[in-house]
């Protein structure tokens, strides 16, 4: 589904929008307590190269990959599995945002701006239709800005499946690397199991001496542990 505009329901600039942000936060799809992990084949493709291995994500959310000798591909595969798992962790709103304040900014086609104060001061979000459509966060000395345009409705929360990501210098705003565009495909594990990633295509724009490129990660023969 594509996130549609709803400016008539936008919060007034300067007002507290904690409840609106909480609804969007709690509308994200996360794995339920008791998640036991899953396993399958993992495939990496770029141009005419194809590398295949086996992977497992345990109940502790830690990933292990076997059968991939190329250290760069192995690192990339582990990184994607970690990204999937870390975003499926279920943490309460108070655990994550209890020390933050939420002030509404202006509303545009992306959504209503949410300006964070308190512990997360400097971070910003946009929300629309109970979906977080933009994330602008300071992480480990850099800033990442993510725009989500399409989501998958699992019936138990949404998963972002079409989005962009850009890293930048927090002081100057200069880009650190080219912007990446993501297209994700999700599927529930057999037996009405949790939803997991089955394919991710990442296209990255050229930046400086680094040319544009695209890579695909596939996860097949998926089974719950």
Foldseek 3Di string as FASTA:
>chain_A
DFFFDDQVPADDFFDFDVVLLLLLVQQAAAADPPAAWKKFKKWKDFDHDIAIWIKIQGPVRQIDTPRGDPPVVRVVVNVVSSVQSVSRDDDHCCVVDVQWTWGWHDADRQAIKTQIDGPQHPWIFGDGPSHTQWTWGDDPQKTKIKGAGDWDRPVSHIHGFWMKIWIAGPVPRHTDFFIKIKGWDWDAAPPRHHIGTAKIKIWGPDDDPRHTTIMMMGGDPMHGD
